[in-house]
Amino acid sequence: RELVAAITSGSTNYADSVKGRFTISRDNAKKTVYLQMNSLKPEDTAVY
């Protein structure tokens, strides 16, 4: 299992393999985190 992306109140981190393609965000009111994945590649296939 590998880290894809993480978000705190003021910063984000991404794996090198997804930088520029994935975006992590959060809605604090809904207690929800999102991962927008664009330009998907076959090597992105996994259980998230």
All heavy atoms as atom14 arrays in JSON, in Angstrom:
{
  "sequence": "RELVAAITSGSTNYADSVKGRFTISRDNAKKTVYLQMNSLKPEDTAVY",
  "atom14_mask": [
    [1, 1, 1, 1, 1, 1, 1, 1, 1, 1, 1, 0, 0, 0],
    [1, 1, 1, 1, 1, 1, 1, 1, 1, 0, 0, 0, 0, 0],
    [1, 1, 1, 1, 1, 1, 1, 1, 0, 0, 0, 0, 0, 0],
    [1, 1, 1, 1, 1, 1, 1, 0, 0, 0, 0, 0, 0, 0],
    [1, 1, 1, 1, 1, 0, 0, 0, 0, 0, 0, 0, 0, 0],
    [1, 1, 1, 1, 1, 0, 0, 0, 0, 0, 0, 0, 0, 0],
    [1, 1, 1, 1, 1, 1, 1, 1, 0, 0, 0, 0, 0, 0],
    [1, 1, 1, 1, 1, 1, 1, 0, 0, 0, 0, 0, 0, 0],
    [1, 1, 1, 1, 1, 1, 0, 0, 0, 0, 0, 0, 0, 0],
    [1, 1, 1, 1, 0, 0, 0, 0, 0, 0, 0, 0, 0, 0],
    [1, 1, 1, 1, 1, 1, 0, 0, 0, 0, 0, 0, 0, 0],
    [1, 1, 1, 1, 1, 1, 1, 0, 0, 0, 0, 0, 0, 0],
    [1, 1, 1, 1, 1, 1, 1, 1, 0, 0, 0, 0, 0, 0],
    [1, 1, 1, 1, 1, 1, 1, 1, 1, 1, 1, 1, 0, 0],
    [1, 1, 1, 1, 1, 0, 0, 0, 0, 0, 0, 0, 0, 0],
    [1, 1, 1, 1, 1, 1, 1, 1, 0, 0, 0, 0, 0, 0],
    [1, 1, 1, 1, 1, 1, 0, 0, 0, 0, 0, 0, 0, 0],
    [1, 1, 1, 1, 1, 1, 1, 0, 0, 0, 0, 0, 0, 0],
    [1, 1, 1, 1, 1, 1, 1, 1, 1, 0, 0, 0, 0, 0],
    [1, 1, 1, 1, 0, 0, 0, 0, 0, 0, 0, 0, 0, 0],
    [1, 1, 1, 1, 1, 1, 1, 1, 1, 1, 1, 0, 0, 0],
    [1, 1, 1, 1, 1, 1, 1, 1, 1, 1, 1, 0, 0, 0],
    [1, 1, 1, 1, 1, 1, 1, 0, 0, 0, 0, 0, 0, 0],
    [1, 1, 1, 1, 1, 1, 1, 1, 0, 0, 0, 0, 0, 0],
    [1, 1, 1, 1, 1, 1, 0, 0, 0, 0, 0, 0, 0, 0],
    [1, 1, 1, 1, 1, 1, 1, 1, 1, 1, 1, 0, 0, 0],
    [1, 1, 1, 1, 1, 1, 1, 1, 0, 0, 0, 0, 0, 0],
    [1, 1, 1, 1, 1, 1, 1, 1, 0, 0, 0, 0, 0, 0],
    [1, 1, 1, 1, 1, 0, 0, 0, 0, 0, 0, 0, 0, 0],
    [1, 1, 1, 1, 1, 1, 1, 1, 1, 0, 0, 0, 0, 0],
    [1, 1, 1, 1, 1, 1, 1, 1, 1, 0, 0, 0, 0, 0],
    [1, 1, 1, 1, 1, 1, 1, 0, 0, 0, 0, 0, 0, 0],
    [1, 1, 1, 1, 1, 1, 1, 0, 0, 0, 0, 0, 0, 0],
    [1, 1, 1, 1, 1, 1, 1, 1, 1, 1, 1, 1, 0, 0],
    [1, 1, 1, 1, 1, 1, 1, 1, 0, 0, 0, 0, 0, 0],
    [1, 1, 1, 1, 1, 1, 1, 1, 1, 0, 0, 0, 0, 0],
    [1, 1, 1, 1, 1, 1, 1, 1, 0, 0, 0, 0, 0, 0],
    [1, 1, 1, 1, 1, 1, 1, 1, 0, 0, 0, 0, 0, 0],
    [1, 1, 1, 1, 1, 1, 0, 0, 0, 0, 0, 0, 0, 0],
    [1, 1, 1, 1, 1, 1, 1, 1, 0, 0, 0, 0, 0, 0],
    [1, 1, 1, 1, 1, 1, 1, 1, 1, 0, 0, 0, 0, 0],
    [1, 1, 1, 1, 1, 1, 1, 0, 0, 0, 0, 0, 0, 0],
    [1, 1, 1, 1, 1, 1, 1, 1, 1, 0, 0, 0, 0, 0],
    [1, 1, 1, 1, 1, 1, 1, 1, 0, 0, 0, 0, 0, 0],
    [1, 1, 1, 1, 1, 1, 1, 0, 0, 0, 0, 0, 0, 0],
    [1, 1, 1, 1, 1, 0, 0, 0, 0, 0, 0, 0, 0, 0],
    [1, 1, 1, 1, 1, 1, 1, 0, 0, 0, 0, 0, 0, 0],
    [1, 1, 1, 1, 1, 1, 1, 1, 1, 1, 1, 1, 0, 0]
  ],
  "atom14_positions": [
    [[0.84, -1.18, 0.0], [0.0, 0.0, 0.0], [0.88, 1.25, 0.0], [1.85, 1.34, 0.76], [-0.91, -0.01, 1.22], [-1.98, 1.07, 1.22], [-2.98, 0.86, 2.35], [-3.67, -0.41, 2.24], [-4.64, -0.8, 3.05], [-5.05, -0.01, 4.03], [-5.21, -1.98, 2.88], [0.0, 0.0, 0.0], [0.0, 0.0, 0.0], [0.0, 0.0, 0.0]],
    [[0.54, 2.19, -0.85], [1.34, 3.4, -0.98], [0.48, 4.64, -0.83], [-0.7, 4.65, -1.19], [2.07, 3.43, -2.33], [1.14, 3.5, -3.53], [1.87, 3.68, -4.84], [3.07, 4.0, -4.83], [1.22, 3.51, -5.9], [0.0, 0.0, 0.0], [0.0, 0.0, 0.0], [0.0, 0.0, 0.0], [0.0, 0.0, 0.0], [0.0, 0.0, 0.0]],
    [[1.1, 5.67, -0.33], [0.42, 6.95, -0.2], [0.27, 7.59, -1.57], [1.24, 7.69, -2.33], [1.21, 7.88, 0.72], [0.68, 9.31, 0.85], [-0.67, 9.32, 1.57], [1.67, 10.2, 1.59], [0.0, 0.0, 0.0], [0.0, 0.0, 0.0], [0.0, 0.0, 0.0], [0.0, 0.0, 0.0], [0.0, 0.0, 0.0], [0.0, 0.0, 0.0]],
    [[-0.94, 8.02, -1.86], [-1.22, 8.73, -3.1], [-1.24, 10.23, -2.87], [-0.59, 11.0, -3.58], [-2.55, 8.28, -3.71], [-2.87, 9.07, -4.98], [-2.52, 6.78, -4.01], [0.0, 0.0, 0.0], [0.0, 0.0, 0.0], [0.0, 0.0, 0.0], [0.0, 0.0, 0.0], [0.0, 0.0, 0.0], [0.0, 0.0, 0.0], [0.0, 0.0, 0.0]],
    [[-2.0, 10.66, -1.88], [-2.13, 12.07, -1.59], [-2.64, 12.24, -0.18], [-3.37, 11.4, 0.34], [-3.06, 12.77, -2.58], [0.0, 0.0, 0.0], [0.0, 0.0, 0.0], [0.0, 0.0, 0.0], [0.0, 0.0, 0.0], [0.0, 0.0, 0.0], [0.0, 0.0, 0.0], [0.0, 0.0, 0.0], [0.0, 0.0, 0.0], [0.0, 0.0, 0.0]],
    [[-2.28, 13.34, 0.44], [-2.74, 13.66, 1.78], [-2.96, 15.15, 1.89], [-2.31, 15.94, 1.19], [-1.75, 13.18, 2.84], [0.0, 0.0, 0.0], [0.0, 0.0, 0.0], [0.0, 0.0, 0.0], [0.0, 0.0, 0.0], [0.0, 0.0, 0.0], [0.0, 0.0, 0.0], [0.0, 0.0, 0.0], [0.0, 0.0, 0.0], [0.0, 0.0, 0.0]],
    [[-3.85, 15.53, 2.79], [-4.16, 16.94, 2.97], [-4.37, 17.24, 4.44], [-5.05, 16.5, 5.16], [-5.4, 17.34, 2.13], [-5.66, 18.84, 2.24], [-6.62, 16.53, 2.55], [-6.69, 19.35, 1.23], [0.0, 0.0, 0.0], [0.0, 0.0, 0.0], [0.0, 0.0, 0.0], [0.0, 0.0, 0.0], [0.0, 0.0, 0.0], [0.0, 0.0, 0.0]],
    [[-3.76, 18.31, 4.88], [-3.98, 18.85, 6.21], [-4.75, 20.15, 6.05], [-5.28, 20.46, 4.98], [-2.66, 19.08, 6.95], [-1.9, 20.09, 6.27], [-1.83, 17.8, 6.99], [0.0, 0.0, 0.0], [0.0, 0.0, 0.0], [0.0, 0.0, 0.0], [0.0, 0.0, 0.0], [0.0, 0.0, 0.0], [0.0, 0.0, 0.0], [0.0, 0.0, 0.0]],
    [[-4.8, 20.94, 7.11], [-5.52, 22.2, 7.02], [-4.85, 23.19, 6.08], [-5.51, 24.09, 5.56], [-5.66, 22.82, 8.41], [-4.4, 23.08, 8.99], [0.0, 0.0, 0.0], [0.0, 0.0, 0.0], [0.0, 0.0, 0.0], [0.0, 0.0, 0.0], [0.0, 0.0, 0.0], [0.0, 0.0, 0.0], [0.0, 0.0, 0.0], [0.0, 0.0, 0.0]],
    [[-3.54, 23.02, 5.87], [-2.83, 24.01, 5.1], [-1.88, 23.51, 4.04], [-1.19, 24.32, 3.4], [0.0, 0.0, 0.0], [0.0, 0.0, 0.0], [0.0, 0.0, 0.0], [0.0, 0.0, 0.0], [0.0, 0.0, 0.0], [0.0, 0.0, 0.0], [0.0, 0.0, 0.0], [0.0, 0.0, 0.0], [0.0, 0.0, 0.0], [0.0, 0.0, 0.0]],
    [[-1.82, 22.22, 3.82], [-0.86, 21.71, 2.85], [-1.36, 20.41, 2.24], [-2.24, 19.74, 2.79], [0.5, 21.5, 3.5], [0.44, 20.49, 4.49], [0.0, 0.0, 0.0], [0.0, 0.0, 0.0], [0.0, 0.0, 0.0], [0.0, 0.0, 0.0], [0.0, 0.0, 0.0], [0.0, 0.0, 0.0], [0.0, 0.0, 0.0], [0.0, 0.0, 0.0]],
    [[-0.76, 20.07, 1.12], [-1.05, 18.81, 0.44], [0.25, 18.13, 0.07], [1.28, 18.78, -0.12], [-1.89, 19.02, -0.82], [-1.2, 19.93, -1.71], [-3.25, 19.61, -0.48], [0.0, 0.0, 0.0], [0.0, 0.0, 0.0], [0.0, 0.0, 0.0], [0.0, 0.0, 0.0], [0.0, 0.0, 0.0], [0.0, 0.0, 0.0], [0.0, 0.0, 0.0]],
    [[0.19, 16.82, -0.04], [1.32, 16.02, -0.48], [0.83, 15.03, -1.51], [-0.27, 14.47, -1.38], [1.96, 15.28, 0.69], [2.66, 16.2, 1.65], [3.47, 17.03, 1.25], [2.36, 16.06, 2.94], [0.0, 0.0, 0.0], [0.0, 0.0, 0.0], [0.0, 0.0, 0.0], [0.0, 0.0, 0.0], [0.0, 0.0, 0.0], [0.0, 0.0, 0.0]],
    [[1.66, 14.78, -2.5], [1.32, 13.86, -3.57], [2.48, 12.93, -3.85], [3.64, 13.33, -3.77], [0.97, 14.59, -4.86], [-0.26, 15.46, -4.79], [-0.16, 16.81, -4.49], [-1.52, 14.93, -5.04], [-1.28, 17.61, -4.43], [-2.65, 15.73, -4.97], [-2.52, 17.07, -4.67], [-3.64, 17.86, -4.61], [0.0, 0.0, 0.0], [0.0, 0.0, 0.0]],
    [[2.14, 11.72, -4.21], [3.15, 10.83, -4.76], [3.64, 11.38, -6.09], [2.88, 11.99, -6.85], [2.58, 9.43, -4.94], [0.0, 0.0, 0.0], [0.0, 0.0, 0.0], [0.0, 0.0, 0.0], [0.0, 0.0, 0.0], [0.0, 0.0, 0.0], [0.0, 0.0, 0.0], [0.0, 0.0, 0.0], [0.0, 0.0, 0.0], [0.0, 0.0, 0.0]],
    [[4.92, 11.17, -6.37], [5.48, 11.68, -7.61], [4.72, 11.17, -8.84], [4.58, 11.88, -9.84], [6.95, 11.31, -7.72], [7.83, 12.08, -6.77], [7.4, 13.15, -6.28], [8.96, 11.63, -6.5], [0.0, 0.0, 0.0], [0.0, 0.0, 0.0], [0.0, 0.0, 0.0], [0.0, 0.0, 0.0], [0.0, 0.0, 0.0], [0.0, 0.0, 0.0]],
    [[4.23, 9.96, -8.76], [3.58, 9.34, -9.89], [2.24, 9.99, -10.26], [1.75, 9.77, -11.37], [3.36, 7.85, -9.64], [2.55, 7.65, -8.49], [0.0, 0.0, 0.0], [0.0, 0.0, 0.0], [0.0, 0.0, 0.0], [0.0, 0.0, 0.0], [0.0, 0.0, 0.0], [0.0, 0.0, 0.0], [0.0, 0.0, 0.0], [0.0, 0.0, 0.0]],
    [[1.67, 10.77, -9.35], [0.36, 11.37, -9.62], [0.39, 12.88, -9.66], [-0.64, 13.5, -9.95], [-0.69, 10.9, -8.6], [-0.73, 9.38, -8.53], [-0.43, 11.51, -7.23], [0.0, 0.0, 0.0], [0.0, 0.0, 0.0], [0.0, 0.0, 0.0], [0.0, 0.0, 0.0], [0.0, 0.0, 0.0], [0.0, 0.0, 0.0], [0.0, 0.0, 0.0]],
    [[1.52, 13.47, -9.4], [1.62, 14.93, -9.42], [1.23, 15.48, -10.79], [1.65, 14.98, -11.82], [3.03, 15.38, -9.06], [3.38, 15.21, -7.6], [4.8, 15.69, -7.31], [5.15, 15.55, -5.84], [6.54, 15.95, -5.56], [0.0, 0.0, 0.0], [0.0, 0.0, 0.0], [0.0, 0.0, 0.0], [0.0, 0.0, 0.0], [0.0, 0.0, 0.0]],
    [[0.42, 16.51, -10.76], [-0.06, 17.12, -11.98], [-1.29, 16.47, -12.56], [-1.91, 17.04, -13.47], [0.0, 0.0, 0.0], [0.0, 0.0, 0.0], [0.0, 0.0, 0.0], [0.0, 0.0, 0.0], [0.0, 0.0, 0.0], [0.0, 0.0, 0.0], [0.0, 0.0, 0.0], [0.0, 0.0, 0.0], [0.0, 0.0, 0.0], [0.0, 0.0, 0.0]],
    [[-1.66, 15.3, -12.05], [-2.84, 14.6, -12.55], [-3.94, 14.48, -11.51], [-5.11, 14.53, -11.85], [-2.45, 13.2, -13.04], [-1.43, 13.2, -14.17], [-1.24, 11.8, -14.74], [-0.69, 10.88, -13.74], [-1.31, 9.78, -13.34], [-2.49, 9.44, -13.84], [-0.74, 8.98, -12.43], [0.0, 0.0, 0.0], [0.0, 0.0, 0.0], [0.0, 0.0, 0.0]],
    [[-3.56, 14.3, -10.26], [-4.52, 14.12, -9.18], [-4.57, 15.37, -8.31], [-3.57, 16.05, -8.12], [-4.15, 12.93, -8.29], [-4.26, 11.59, -8.94], [-4.5, 11.45, -10.3], [-4.14, 10.44, -8.17], [-4.61, 10.21, -10.89], [-4.25, 9.19, -8.75], [-4.48, 9.06, -10.1], [0.0, 0.0, 0.0], [0.0, 0.0, 0.0], [0.0, 0.0, 0.0]],
    [[-5.74, 15.63, -7.75], [-5.92, 16.74, -6.84], [-6.73, 16.27, -5.64], [-7.82, 15.73, -5.8], [-6.63, 17.92, -7.51], [-5.9, 18.35, -8.66], [-6.74, 19.09, -6.53], [0.0, 0.0, 0.0], [0.0, 0.0, 0.0], [0.0, 0.0, 0.0], [0.0, 0.0, 0.0], [0.0, 0.0, 0.0], [0.0, 0.0, 0.0], [0.0, 0.0, 0.0]],
    [[-6.2, 16.5, -4.46], [-6.91, 16.17, -3.24], [-7.51, 17.43, -2.65], [-6.91, 18.5, -2.7], [-5.98, 15.46, -2.23], [-6.79, 14.91, -1.05], [-4.86, 16.38, -1.76], [-5.98, 14.0, -0.13], [0.0, 0.0, 0.0], [0.0, 0.0, 0.0], [0.0, 0.0, 0.0], [0.0, 0.0, 0.0], [0.0, 0.0, 0.0], [0.0, 0.0, 0.0]],
    [[-8.7, 17.3, -2.11], [-9.37, 18.43, -1.48], [-10.25, 17.9, -0.35], [-10.49, 16.7, -0.24], [-10.2, 19.22, -2.49], [-11.22, 18.42, -3.07], [0.0, 0.0, 0.0], [0.0, 0.0, 0.0], [0.0, 0.0, 0.0], [0.0, 0.0, 0.0], [0.0, 0.0, 0.0], [0.0, 0.0, 0.0], [0.0, 0.0, 0.0], [0.0, 0.0, 0.0]],
    [[-10.73, 18.82, 0.47], [-11.57, 18.42, 1.59], [-12.66, 19.44, 1.83], [-12.47, 20.64, 1.59], [-10.75, 18.21, 2.86], [-10.01, 19.45, 3.34], [-8.97, 19.12, 4.4], [-9.56, 18.77, 5.69], [-8.85, 18.47, 6.78], [-7.53, 18.45, 6.72], [-9.47, 18.16, 7.91], [0.0, 0.0, 0.0], [0.0, 0.0, 0.0], [0.0, 0.0, 0.0]],
    [[-13.78, 18.96, 2.31], [-14.9, 19.79, 2.72], [-15.07, 19.55, 4.21], [-15.59, 18.51, 4.62], [-16.16, 19.43, 1.95], [-17.32, 20.36, 2.25], [-17.42, 20.85, 3.38], [-18.14, 20.59, 1.35], [0.0, 0.0, 0.0], [0.0, 0.0, 0.0], [0.0, 0.0, 0.0], [0.0, 0.0, 0.0], [0.0, 0.0, 0.0], [0.0, 0.0, 0.0]],
    [[-14.63, 20.49, 5.0], [-14.64, 20.29, 6.44], [-16.06, 20.19, 7.0], [-16.31, 19.44, 7.95], [-13.88, 21.42, 7.13], [-12.39, 21.38, 6.84], [-11.81, 20.31, 6.67], [-11.77, 22.54, 6.79], [0.0, 0.0, 0.0], [0.0, 0.0, 0.0], [0.0, 0.0, 0.0], [0.0, 0.0, 0.0], [0.0, 0.0, 0.0], [0.0, 0.0, 0.0]],
    [[-16.98, 20.96, 6.44], [-18.35, 20.92, 6.92], [-18.97, 19.54, 6.7], [-19.75, 19.07, 7.53], [-19.19, 22.0, 6.24], [0.0, 0.0, 0.0], [0.0, 0.0, 0.0], [0.0, 0.0, 0.0], [0.0, 0.0, 0.0], [0.0, 0.0, 0.0], [0.0, 0.0, 0.0], [0.0, 0.0, 0.0], [0.0, 0.0, 0.0], [0.0, 0.0, 0.0]],
    [[-18.64, 18.92, 5.59], [-19.17, 17.6, 5.28], [-18.27, 16.47, 5.77], [-18.63, 15.3, 5.61], [-19.37, 17.46, 3.77], [-20.41, 18.4, 3.19], [-20.58, 18.16, 1.69], [-21.64, 19.06, 1.11], [-21.8, 18.84, -0.35], [0.0, 0.0, 0.0], [0.0, 0.0, 0.0], [0.0, 0.0, 0.0], [0.0, 0.0, 0.0], [0.0, 0.0, 0.0]],
    [[-17.13, 16.82, 6.34], [-16.17, 15.82, 6.79], [-15.85, 14.84, 5.67], [-15.84, 13.62, 5.86], [-16.67, 15.09, 8.03], [-16.87, 15.99, 9.24], [-17.32, 15.19, 10.45], [-17.45, 16.05, 11.69], [-18.5, 17.08, 11.54], [0.0, 0.0, 0.0], [0.0, 0.0, 0.0], [0.0, 0.0, 0.0], [0.0, 0.0, 0.0], [0.0, 0.0, 0.0]],
    [[-15.57, 15.39, 4.52], [-15.37, 14.59, 3.33], [-14.07, 15.0, 2.63], [-13.75, 16.19, 2.55], [-16.54, 14.75, 2.37], [-17.75, 14.33, 3.01], [-16.33, 13.92, 1.11], [0.0, 0.0, 0.0], [0.0, 0.0, 0.0], [0.0, 0.0, 0.0], [0.0, 0.0, 0.0], [0.0, 0.0, 0.0], [0.0, 0.0, 0.0], [0.0, 0.0, 0.0]],
    [[-13.36, 14.02, 2.15], [-12.17, 14.24, 1.37], [-12.4, 13.69, -0.03], [-13.08, 12.67, -0.21], [-10.92, 13.6, 2.02], [-11.08, 12.09, 2.14], [-9.66, 13.96, 1.24], [0.0, 0.0, 0.0], [0.0, 0.0, 0.0], [0.0, 0.0, 0.0], [0.0, 0.0, 0.0], [0.0, 0.0, 0.0], [0.0, 0.0, 0.0], [0.0, 0.0, 0.0]],
    [[-11.86, 14.38, -1.02], [-12.04, 14.01, -2.41], [-10.68, 13.79, -3.07], [-9.67, 14.37, -2.67], [-12.78, 15.1, -3.18], [-14.1, 15.5, -2.58], [-14.18, 16.57, -1.7], [-15.27, 14.82, -2.89], [-15.39, 16.95, -1.15], [-16.48, 15.18, -2.34], [-16.53, 16.25, -1.47], [-17.74, 16.63, -0.92], [0.0, 0.0, 0.0], [0.0, 0.0, 0.0]],
    [[-10.7, 12.97, -4.08], [-9.53, 12.79, -4.91], [-9.98, 12.87, -6.36], [-10.62, 11.94, -6.86], [-8.82, 11.46, -4.64], [-7.51, 11.25, -5.39], [-6.45, 12.24, -4.91], [-7.02, 9.82, -5.23], [0.0, 0.0, 0.0], [0.0, 0.0, 0.0], [0.0, 0.0, 0.0], [0.0, 0.0, 0.0], [0.0, 0.0, 0.0], [0.0, 0.0, 0.0]],
    [[-9.66, 13.97, -7.0], [-9.95, 14.14, -8.42], [-8.8, 13.55, -9.21], [-7.66, 14.0, -9.07], [-10.13, 15.61, -8.76], [-10.42, 15.88, -10.23], [-11.74, 15.33, -10.68], [-12.75, 15.5, -10.01], [-11.75, 14.63, -11.81], [0.0, 0.0, 0.0], [0.0, 0.0, 0.0], [0.0, 0.0, 0.0], [0.0, 0.0, 0.0], [0.0, 0.0, 0.0]],
    [[-9.09, 12.57, -10.02], [-8.08, 11.86, -10.78], [-8.3, 12.1, -12.26], [-9.33, 11.69, -12.82], [-8.11, 10.36, -10.47], [-7.97, 10.04, -8.98], [-7.88, 8.27, -8.65], [-9.53, 7.78, -9.16], [0.0, 0.0, 0.0], [0.0, 0.0, 0.0], [0.0, 0.0, 0.0], [0.0, 0.0, 0.0], [0.0, 0.0, 0.0], [0.0, 0.0, 0.0]],
    [[-7.37, 12.77, -12.88], [-7.42, 13.06, -14.3], [-6.28, 12.35, -15.01], [-5.3, 11.94, -14.4], [-7.34, 14.56, -14.54], [-8.48, 15.34, -13.94], [-9.61, 14.86, -13.88], [-8.2, 16.56, -13.49], [0.0, 0.0, 0.0], [0.0, 0.0, 0.0], [0.0, 0.0, 0.0], [0.0, 0.0, 0.0], [0.0, 0.0, 0.0], [0.0, 0.0, 0.0]],
    [[-6.42, 12.26, -16.32], [-5.39, 11.63, -17.15], [-4.98, 10.28, -16.59], [-3.79, 9.97, -16.46], [-4.18, 12.56, -17.28], [-4.55, 13.81, -17.84], [0.0, 0.0, 0.0], [0.0, 0.0, 0.0], [0.0, 0.0, 0.0], [0.0, 0.0, 0.0], [0.0, 0.0, 0.0], [0.0, 0.0, 0.0], [0.0, 0.0, 0.0], [0.0, 0.0, 0.0]],
    [[-5.95, 9.47, -16.28], [-5.67, 8.19, -15.65], [-4.89, 7.26, -16.57], [-5.08, 7.26, -17.79], [-6.97, 7.53, -15.21], [-7.58, 8.12, -13.94], [-9.04, 7.73, -13.81], [-6.79, 7.65, -12.71], [0.0, 0.0, 0.0], [0.0, 0.0, 0.0], [0.0, 0.0, 0.0], [0.0, 0.0, 0.0], [0.0, 0.0, 0.0], [0.0, 0.0, 0.0]],
    [[-4.03, 6.49, -15.95], [-3.18, 5.54, -16.65], [-3.46, 4.14, -16.14], [-3.91, 3.96, -15.01], [-1.7, 5.88, -16.42], [-1.3, 7.28, -16.82], [0.15, 7.55, -16.44], [0.57, 8.95, -16.82], [1.99, 9.22, -16.45], [0.0, 0.0, 0.0], [0.0, 0.0, 0.0], [0.0, 0.0, 0.0], [0.0, 0.0, 0.0], [0.0, 0.0, 0.0]],
    [[-3.18, 3.12, -16.94], [-3.39, 1.75, -16.46], [-2.66, 1.46, -15.16], [-3.17, 0.68, -14.33], [-2.86, 0.9, -17.61], [-3.09, 1.74, -18.82], [-2.82, 3.15, -18.37], [0.0, 0.0, 0.0], [0.0, 0.0, 0.0], [0.0, 0.0, 0.0], [0.0, 0.0, 0.0], [0.0, 0.0, 0.0], [0.0, 0.0, 0.0], [0.0, 0.0, 0.0]],
    [[-1.5, 2.04, -14.96], [-0.76, 1.81, -13.73], [-1.41, 2.43, -12.5], [-0.97, 2.19, -11.38], [0.69, 2.3, -13.86], [0.82, 3.71, -14.37], [1.09, 3.78, -15.86], [0.44, 3.03, -16.62], [1.96, 4.57, -16.27], [0.0, 0.0, 0.0], [0.0, 0.0, 0.0], [0.0, 0.0, 0.0], [0.0, 0.0, 0.0], [0.0, 0.0, 0.0]],
    [[-2.45, 3.22, -12.7], [-3.22, 3.73, -11.57], [-4.21, 2.71, -11.04], [-4.84, 2.94, -10.01], [-3.98, 5.0, -11.96], [-3.06, 6.16, -12.3], [-2.05, 6.35, -11.59], [-3.36, 6.88, -13.27], [0.0, 0.0, 0.0], [0.0, 0.0, 0.0], [0.0, 0.0, 0.0], [0.0, 0.0, 0.0], [0.0, 0.0, 0.0], [0.0, 0.0, 0.0]],
    [[-4.37, 1.61, -11.74], [-5.31, 0.58, -11.32], [-4.92, 0.03, -9.95], [-3.79, -0.42, -9.75], [-5.35, -0.56, -12.34], [-5.86, -0.06, -13.59], [-6.25, -1.69, -11.86], [0.0, 0.0, 0.0], [0.0, 0.0, 0.0], [0.0, 0.0, 0.0], [0.0, 0.0, 0.0], [0.0, 0.0, 0.0], [0.0, 0.0, 0.0], [0.0, 0.0, 0.0]],
    [[-5.85, 0.09, -9.02], [-5.6, -0.35, -7.66], [-6.88, -0.2, -6.85], [-7.87, 0.37, -7.32], [-4.48, 0.48, -7.01], [0.0, 0.0, 0.0], [0.0, 0.0, 0.0], [0.0, 0.0, 0.0], [0.0, 0.0, 0.0], [0.0, 0.0, 0.0], [0.0, 0.0, 0.0], [0.0, 0.0, 0.0], [0.0, 0.0, 0.0], [0.0, 0.0, 0.0]],
    [[-6.84, -0.72, -5.65], [-7.87, -0.41, -4.67], [-7.41, 0.82, -3.92], [-6.29, 0.86, -3.39], [-8.11, -1.58, -3.7], [-9.15, -1.19, -2.65], [-8.58, -2.81, -4.46], [0.0, 0.0, 0.0], [0.0, 0.0, 0.0], [0.0, 0.0, 0.0], [0.0, 0.0, 0.0], [0.0, 0.0, 0.0], [0.0, 0.0, 0.0], [0.0, 0.0, 0.0]],
    [[-8.26, 1.81, -3.87], [-7.94, 3.07, -3.22], [-8.61, 3.13, -1.86], [-9.82, 2.91, -1.74], [-8.38, 4.25, -4.08], [-7.47, 4.5, -5.25], [-7.43, 3.6, -6.32], [-6.64, 5.61, -5.29], [-6.57, 3.82, -7.39], [-5.79, 5.83, -6.36], [-5.76, 4.93, -7.41], [-4.91, 5.16, -8.47], [0.0, 0.0, 0.0], [0.0, 0.0, 0.0]]
  ]
}
